[in-house]
Amino acid sequence: MPNARVLVVDDEDRLRDLLVAVLQDAGYTADGVASGEEALARVGAARPDLIILDMLMPDVDGFEFLARLRAGPLHSAVPVLINSALGGTLARAIEPASADTLGIVGVLAKPVSIEVLLERVRAVIGPGCVGSLGE
């Protein structure tokens, strides 16, 4: 999917900025926001092809974000890749049926390897732009 848009939602500035830079280098259109509220506003303005979501945020946690995202009819199909310090614990706690309902396409444990992150993103939305550094 050329020019696929990825929204990174994480309250950790350095991690969010790193993930955005890596995704952009791989040919994706990527942007980052620091809060669930900001992410909901951004999704309302321009639907991303994938959301990378931290679950532990101060204003709106990941589960509340997902519930509010799925309540909007235009955004019910946006896939979400969880990137959380809860990692494996969260992956075991989410039942497959719940993951499908919430649109969760995977759970990554922080700190995530760049290779694993890009592999998962490509699996969900395809490669970045042809000729990008990540290809």
N, C-alpha and C. Protein backbone atom coordinates (compact mmCIF):
# COMPACT_ATOMS: atom_id res chain seq x y z
N MET A 1 0.86 -1.17 0.00
CA MET A 1 0.00 0.00 0.00
C MET A 1 0.91 1.23 0.00
N PRO A 2 1.15 1.83 -1.15
CA PRO A 2 2.02 3.02 -1.20
C PRO A 2 1.47 4.16 -0.37
N ASN A 3 2.38 4.87 0.27
CA ASN A 3 2.00 6.01 1.10
C ASN A 3 1.02 5.66 2.22
N ALA A 4 1.12 4.44 2.71
CA ALA A 4 0.26 4.04 3.81
C ALA A 4 0.55 4.92 5.01
N ARG A 5 -0.52 5.31 5.71
CA ARG A 5 -0.40 6.21 6.86
C ARG A 5 -0.45 5.43 8.16
N VAL A 6 0.53 5.73 9.03
CA VAL A 6 0.62 5.09 10.33
C VAL A 6 0.58 6.17 11.40
N LEU A 7 -0.26 5.98 12.39
CA LEU A 7 -0.34 6.89 13.53
C LEU A 7 0.24 6.18 14.75
N VAL A 8 1.27 6.77 15.35
CA VAL A 8 1.91 6.23 16.55
C VAL A 8 1.37 7.00 17.75
N VAL A 9 0.77 6.28 18.70
CA VAL A 9 0.19 6.89 19.88
C VAL A 9 0.98 6.40 21.10
N ASP A 10 1.78 7.29 21.67
CA ASP A 10 2.60 6.92 22.82
C ASP A 10 2.97 8.18 23.58
N ASP A 11 2.85 8.14 24.90
CA ASP A 11 3.16 9.33 25.70
C ASP A 11 4.66 9.48 25.98
N GLU A 12 5.47 8.50 25.59
CA GLU A 12 6.93 8.60 25.74
C GLU A 12 7.50 9.28 24.49
N ASP A 13 7.90 10.54 24.65
CA ASP A 13 8.33 11.36 23.51
C ASP A 13 9.43 10.71 22.68
N ARG A 14 10.48 10.27 23.33
CA ARG A 14 11.63 9.72 22.58
C ARG A 14 11.26 8.46 21.81
N LEU A 15 10.50 7.59 22.43
CA LEU A 15 10.09 6.36 21.75
C LEU A 15 9.17 6.68 20.58
N ARG A 16 8.20 7.54 20.81
CA ARG A 16 7.26 7.93 19.75
C ARG A 16 8.01 8.53 18.57
N ASP A 17 8.94 9.45 18.85
CA ASP A 17 9.70 10.10 17.78
C ASP A 17 10.57 9.10 17.03
N LEU A 18 11.15 8.14 17.75
CA LEU A 18 11.96 7.11 17.11
C LEU A 18 11.11 6.25 16.18
N LEU A 19 9.96 5.81 16.65
CA LEU A 19 9.10 4.96 15.83
C LEU A 19 8.62 5.70 14.59
N VAL A 20 8.27 6.96 14.75
CA VAL A 20 7.83 7.76 13.59
C VAL A 20 8.97 7.87 12.58
N ALA A 21 10.18 8.16 13.05
CA ALA A 21 11.34 8.29 12.14
C ALA A 21 11.63 6.98 11.42
N VAL A 22 11.57 5.86 12.13
CA VAL A 22 11.82 4.55 11.52
C VAL A 22 10.77 4.26 10.45
N LEU A 23 9.53 4.53 10.76
CA LEU A 23 8.46 4.28 9.79
C LEU A 23 8.60 5.18 8.57
N GLN A 24 8.94 6.43 8.78
CA GLN A 24 9.14 7.34 7.66
C GLN A 24 10.31 6.87 6.80
N ASP A 25 11.40 6.45 7.42
CA ASP A 25 12.55 5.93 6.67
C ASP A 25 12.19 4.69 5.86
N ALA A 26 11.22 3.93 6.34
CA ALA A 26 10.77 2.73 5.64
C ALA A 26 9.75 3.05 4.55
N GLY A 27 9.43 4.34 4.37
CA GLY A 27 8.56 4.74 3.28
C GLY A 27 7.11 4.96 3.64
N TYR A 28 6.77 4.92 4.91
CA TYR A 28 5.40 5.16 5.33
C TYR A 28 5.21 6.64 5.64
N THR A 29 4.00 7.10 5.54
CA THR A 29 3.64 8.42 6.04
C THR A 29 3.28 8.20 7.50
N ALA A 30 4.11 8.68 8.40
CA ALA A 30 3.91 8.41 9.83
C ALA A 30 3.86 9.70 10.61
N ASP A 31 3.02 9.69 11.63
CA ASP A 31 2.89 10.83 12.53
C ASP A 31 2.70 10.28 13.93
N GLY A 32 3.04 11.08 14.91
CA GLY A 32 2.90 10.63 16.28
C GLY A 32 2.14 11.63 17.12
N VAL A 33 1.43 11.10 18.11
CA VAL A 33 0.72 11.93 19.08
C VAL A 33 0.99 11.37 20.47
N ALA A 34 0.87 12.25 21.47
CA ALA A 34 1.25 11.90 22.83
C ALA A 34 0.10 11.42 23.71
N SER A 35 -1.13 11.47 23.20
CA SER A 35 -2.26 11.09 24.07
C SER A 35 -3.38 10.45 23.27
N GLY A 36 -4.22 9.73 24.00
CA GLY A 36 -5.39 9.12 23.38
C GLY A 36 -6.35 10.16 22.83
N GLU A 37 -6.52 11.25 23.56
CA GLU A 37 -7.42 12.32 23.09
C GLU A 37 -6.93 12.91 21.77
N GLU A 38 -5.61 13.17 21.72
CA GLU A 38 -5.02 13.70 20.49
C GLU A 38 -5.19 12.71 19.35
N ALA A 39 -5.01 11.44 19.64
CA ALA A 39 -5.14 10.40 18.61
C ALA A 39 -6.56 10.33 18.08
N LEU A 40 -7.54 10.41 18.96
CA LEU A 40 -8.94 10.37 18.51
C LEU A 40 -9.24 11.55 17.59
N ALA A 41 -8.73 12.72 17.93
CA ALA A 41 -8.93 13.90 17.07
C ALA A 41 -8.23 13.70 15.73
N ARG A 42 -7.03 13.14 15.75
CA ARG A 42 -6.27 12.94 14.52
C ARG A 42 -6.95 11.92 13.62
N VAL A 43 -7.45 10.84 14.21
CA VAL A 43 -8.13 9.81 13.44
C VAL A 43 -9.40 10.39 12.82
N GLY A 44 -10.07 11.29 13.55
CA GLY A 44 -11.26 11.93 13.01
C GLY A 44 -10.96 12.82 11.82
N ALA A 45 -9.77 13.41 11.79
CA ALA A 45 -9.39 14.30 10.69
C ALA A 45 -8.89 13.54 9.47
N ALA A 46 -8.13 12.48 9.69
CA ALA A 46 -7.56 11.71 8.58
C ALA A 46 -7.36 10.28 9.03
N ARG A 47 -8.10 9.38 8.44
CA ARG A 47 -8.05 7.98 8.85
C ARG A 47 -6.71 7.35 8.48
N PRO A 48 -5.97 6.86 9.49
CA PRO A 48 -4.72 6.16 9.19
C PRO A 48 -5.01 4.74 8.71
N ASP A 49 -4.02 4.12 8.09
CA ASP A 49 -4.14 2.73 7.66
C ASP A 49 -3.78 1.77 8.79
N LEU A 50 -3.06 2.28 9.78
CA LEU A 50 -2.66 1.49 10.94
C LEU A 50 -2.40 2.43 12.10
N ILE A 51 -2.77 1.99 13.30
CA ILE A 51 -2.45 2.72 14.53
C ILE A 51 -1.55 1.83 15.37
N ILE A 52 -0.43 2.39 15.83
CA ILE A 52 0.45 1.70 16.78
C ILE A 52 0.17 2.35 18.13
N LEU A 53 -0.33 1.57 19.07
CA LEU A 53 -0.91 2.11 20.30
C LEU A 53 -0.22 1.62 21.56
N ASP A 54 0.18 2.56 22.40
CA ASP A 54 0.63 2.25 23.75
C ASP A 54 -0.62 2.10 24.60
N MET A 55 -0.63 1.15 25.52
CA MET A 55 -1.82 0.92 26.33
C MET A 55 -1.83 1.74 27.62
N LEU A 56 -0.65 2.08 28.14
CA LEU A 56 -0.58 2.78 29.42
C LEU A 56 -0.28 4.26 29.19
N MET A 57 -1.33 5.05 29.10
CA MET A 57 -1.20 6.49 28.90
C MET A 57 -2.01 7.19 29.97
N PRO A 58 -1.60 8.41 30.34
CA PRO A 58 -2.24 9.09 31.47
C PRO A 58 -3.67 9.57 31.23
N ASP A 59 -4.01 10.05 30.06
CA ASP A 59 -5.35 10.63 29.89
C ASP A 59 -6.40 9.61 29.48
N VAL A 60 -6.16 8.94 28.40
CA VAL A 60 -7.08 7.92 27.89
C VAL A 60 -6.24 6.67 27.67
N ASP A 61 -6.49 5.61 28.45
CA ASP A 61 -5.68 4.42 28.27
C ASP A 61 -6.06 3.71 26.97
N GLY A 62 -5.29 2.70 26.61
CA GLY A 62 -5.49 2.02 25.34
C GLY A 62 -6.86 1.40 25.18
N PHE A 63 -7.40 0.80 26.24
CA PHE A 63 -8.71 0.16 26.12
C PHE A 63 -9.81 1.20 25.91
N GLU A 64 -9.74 2.32 26.63
CA GLU A 64 -10.73 3.37 26.41
C GLU A 64 -10.59 3.94 25.00
N PHE A 65 -9.35 4.14 24.56
CA PHE A 65 -9.13 4.62 23.19
C PHE A 65 -9.77 3.68 22.18
N LEU A 66 -9.52 2.38 22.33
CA LEU A 66 -10.09 1.40 21.39
C LEU A 66 -11.61 1.43 21.41
N ALA A 67 -12.20 1.50 22.58
CA ALA A 67 -13.67 1.55 22.68
C ALA A 67 -14.22 2.79 21.98
N ARG A 68 -13.59 3.92 22.20
CA ARG A 68 -14.07 5.16 21.57
C ARG A 68 -13.80 5.15 20.07
N LEU A 69 -12.68 4.59 19.66
CA LEU A 69 -12.37 4.48 18.23
C LEU A 69 -13.41 3.62 17.54
N ARG A 70 -13.72 2.48 18.12
CA ARG A 70 -14.66 1.54 17.50
C ARG A 70 -16.09 2.04 17.52
N ALA A 71 -16.39 3.02 18.37
CA ALA A 71 -17.74 3.57 18.43
C ALA A 71 -18.04 4.44 17.21
N GLY A 72 -17.01 4.95 16.55
CA GLY A 72 -17.20 5.79 15.36
C GLY A 72 -17.28 4.93 14.12
N PRO A 73 -18.33 5.05 13.33
CA PRO A 73 -18.52 4.17 12.18
C PRO A 73 -17.44 4.29 11.10
N LEU A 74 -16.84 5.45 10.95
CA LEU A 74 -15.83 5.63 9.92
C LEU A 74 -14.50 5.00 10.30
N HIS A 75 -14.30 4.72 11.57
CA HIS A 75 -13.00 4.25 12.02
C HIS A 75 -13.04 2.84 12.60
N SER A 76 -14.13 2.15 12.37
CA SER A 76 -14.28 0.84 12.98
C SER A 76 -13.34 -0.19 12.38
N ALA A 77 -12.80 0.05 11.19
CA ALA A 77 -11.96 -0.96 10.55
C ALA A 77 -10.47 -0.65 10.60
N VAL A 78 -10.04 0.42 11.24
CA VAL A 78 -8.62 0.75 11.31
C VAL A 78 -7.91 -0.29 12.18
N PRO A 79 -6.93 -1.02 11.62
CA PRO A 79 -6.22 -2.01 12.44
C PRO A 79 -5.32 -1.34 13.47
N VAL A 80 -5.17 -2.00 14.61
CA VAL A 80 -4.37 -1.46 15.71
C VAL A 80 -3.33 -2.49 16.12
N LEU A 81 -2.08 -2.05 16.17
CA LEU A 81 -0.97 -2.85 16.64
C LEU A 81 -0.57 -2.30 18.00
N ILE A 82 -0.68 -3.11 19.03
CA ILE A 82 -0.36 -2.68 20.38
C ILE A 82 1.15 -2.76 20.59
N ASN A 83 1.73 -1.71 21.15
CA ASN A 83 3.15 -1.69 21.54
C ASN A 83 3.16 -1.25 23.00
N SER A 84 3.38 -2.19 23.90
CA SER A 84 3.19 -1.89 25.31
C SER A 84 4.20 -2.58 26.21
N ALA A 85 4.48 -1.95 27.32
CA ALA A 85 5.32 -2.57 28.35
C ALA A 85 4.64 -3.81 28.91
N LEU A 86 3.33 -3.90 28.75
CA LEU A 86 2.58 -5.08 29.23
C LEU A 86 2.83 -6.28 28.33
N GLY A 87 3.25 -6.05 27.11
CA GLY A 87 3.66 -7.05 26.14
C GLY A 87 3.01 -8.40 26.24
N GLY A 88 3.80 -9.41 26.62
CA GLY A 88 3.32 -10.78 26.67
C GLY A 88 2.16 -10.98 27.61
N THR A 89 2.15 -10.28 28.73
CA THR A 89 1.04 -10.38 29.68
C THR A 89 -0.26 -9.95 29.01
N LEU A 90 -0.19 -8.86 28.27
CA LEU A 90 -1.36 -8.35 27.57
C LEU A 90 -1.78 -9.30 26.47
N ALA A 91 -0.82 -9.82 25.73
CA ALA A 91 -1.13 -10.75 24.64
C ALA A 91 -1.86 -11.98 25.16
N ARG A 92 -1.45 -12.47 26.33
CA ARG A 92 -2.12 -13.64 26.91
C ARG A 92 -3.50 -13.29 27.47
N ALA A 93 -3.69 -12.05 27.89
CA ALA A 93 -4.95 -11.64 28.52
C ALA A 93 -6.05 -11.35 27.50
N ILE A 94 -5.67 -10.99 26.29
CA ILE A 94 -6.67 -10.65 25.27
C ILE A 94 -7.08 -11.91 24.53
N GLU A 95 -8.32 -12.24 24.62
CA GLU A 95 -8.83 -13.42 23.92
C GLU A 95 -8.92 -13.11 22.44
N PRO A 96 -8.73 -14.12 21.59
CA PRO A 96 -8.79 -13.88 20.14
C PRO A 96 -10.08 -13.20 19.68
N ALA A 97 -11.21 -13.57 20.24
CA ALA A 97 -12.47 -12.95 19.85
C ALA A 97 -12.48 -11.47 20.22
N SER A 98 -11.95 -11.15 21.40
CA SER A 98 -11.88 -9.75 21.82
C SER A 98 -10.93 -8.97 20.92
N ALA A 99 -9.81 -9.57 20.55
CA ALA A 99 -8.85 -8.91 19.67
C ALA A 99 -9.52 -8.58 18.34
N ASP A 100 -10.29 -9.52 17.80
CA ASP A 100 -10.99 -9.26 16.54
C ASP A 100 -11.98 -8.12 16.69
N THR A 101 -12.75 -8.13 17.77
CA THR A 101 -13.74 -7.09 18.01
C THR A 101 -13.08 -5.72 18.15
N LEU A 102 -11.93 -5.68 18.84
CA LEU A 102 -11.23 -4.42 19.06
C LEU A 102 -10.36 -4.01 17.88
N GLY A 103 -10.19 -4.90 16.91
CA GLY A 103 -9.37 -4.59 15.75
C GLY A 103 -7.89 -4.68 16.02
N ILE A 104 -7.51 -5.44 17.04
CA ILE A 104 -6.10 -5.60 17.39
C ILE A 104 -5.49 -6.66 16.48
N VAL A 105 -4.44 -6.26 15.75
CA VAL A 105 -3.79 -7.17 14.81
C VAL A 105 -2.50 -7.75 15.36
N GLY A 106 -2.13 -7.35 16.57
CA GLY A 106 -0.92 -7.88 17.18
C GLY A 106 -0.55 -7.11 18.43
N VAL A 107 0.29 -7.75 19.25
CA VAL A 107 0.78 -7.14 20.47
C VAL A 107 2.29 -7.28 20.49
N LEU A 108 2.99 -6.16 20.62
CA LEU A 108 4.44 -6.14 20.72
C LEU A 108 4.83 -5.72 22.13
N ALA A 109 5.93 -6.27 22.62
CA ALA A 109 6.43 -5.92 23.95
C ALA A 109 7.52 -4.85 23.83
N LYS A 110 7.40 -3.81 24.64
CA LYS A 110 8.46 -2.81 24.71
C LYS A 110 9.62 -3.38 25.51
N PRO A 111 10.83 -3.12 25.15
CA PRO A 111 11.23 -2.38 23.95
C PRO A 111 11.15 -3.30 22.73
N VAL A 112 10.55 -2.81 21.68
CA VAL A 112 10.36 -3.60 20.47
C VAL A 112 11.58 -3.43 19.57
N SER A 113 11.95 -4.51 18.90
CA SER A 113 13.03 -4.41 17.93
C SER A 113 12.47 -3.75 16.67
N ILE A 114 13.29 -2.92 16.05
CA ILE A 114 12.88 -2.22 14.84
C ILE A 114 12.52 -3.21 13.74
N GLU A 115 13.29 -4.28 13.62
CA GLU A 115 13.02 -5.29 12.59
C GLU A 115 11.66 -5.95 12.81
N VAL A 116 11.36 -6.28 14.05
CA VAL A 116 10.07 -6.91 14.36
C VAL A 116 8.93 -5.93 14.10
N LEU A 117 9.11 -4.69 14.50
CA LEU A 117 8.08 -3.69 14.27
C LEU A 117 7.79 -3.56 12.77
N LEU A 118 8.83 -3.38 11.96
CA LEU A 118 8.63 -3.21 10.52
C LEU A 118 8.04 -4.46 9.88
N GLU A 119 8.45 -5.61 10.37
CA GLU A 119 7.89 -6.87 9.86
C GLU A 119 6.38 -6.92 10.12
N ARG A 120 5.96 -6.55 11.33
CA ARG A 120 4.53 -6.57 11.67
C ARG A 120 3.75 -5.53 10.89
N VAL A 121 4.32 -4.33 10.74
CA VAL A 121 3.65 -3.27 9.98
C VAL A 121 3.47 -3.72 8.54
N ARG A 122 4.52 -4.27 7.94
CA ARG A 122 4.42 -4.75 6.55
C ARG A 122 3.38 -5.85 6.41
N ALA A 123 3.29 -6.73 7.42
CA ALA A 123 2.31 -7.81 7.37
C ALA A 123 0.89 -7.28 7.36
N VAL A 124 0.66 -6.15 8.02
CA VAL A 124 -0.69 -5.60 8.12
C VAL A 124 -1.04 -4.70 6.93
N ILE A 125 -0.11 -3.79 6.56
CA ILE A 125 -0.46 -2.80 5.53
C ILE A 125 0.45 -2.81 4.31
N GLY A 126 1.37 -3.76 4.26
CA GLY A 126 2.26 -3.86 3.10
C GLY A 126 3.49 -2.99 3.27
N PRO A 127 4.37 -3.03 2.27
CA PRO A 127 5.61 -2.27 2.36
C PRO A 127 5.36 -0.77 2.20
N GLY A 128 6.36 0.01 2.63
CA GLY A 128 6.30 1.46 2.43
C GLY A 128 6.49 1.76 0.95
N CYS A 129 6.70 3.01 0.62
CA CYS A 129 6.87 3.42 -0.77
C CYS A 129 8.04 2.71 -1.41
N VAL A 130 7.89 2.39 -2.68
CA VAL A 130 8.97 1.77 -3.44
C VAL A 130 10.16 2.71 -3.48
N GLY A 131 11.35 2.16 -3.27
CA GLY A 131 12.55 2.96 -3.31
C GLY A 131 12.88 3.63 -1.98
N SER A 132 12.13 3.33 -0.93
CA SER A 132 12.41 3.93 0.37
C SER A 132 13.60 3.24 1.00
N LEU A 133 14.14 3.82 2.04
CA LEU A 133 15.30 3.25 2.73
C LEU A 133 14.98 1.91 3.35
N GLY A 134 13.73 1.69 3.73
CA GLY A 134 13.36 0.45 4.41
C GLY A 134 13.11 -0.71 3.47
N GLU A 135 13.23 -0.51 2.19
CA GLU A 135 12.95 -1.57 1.23
C GLU A 135 14.20 -2.32 0.86
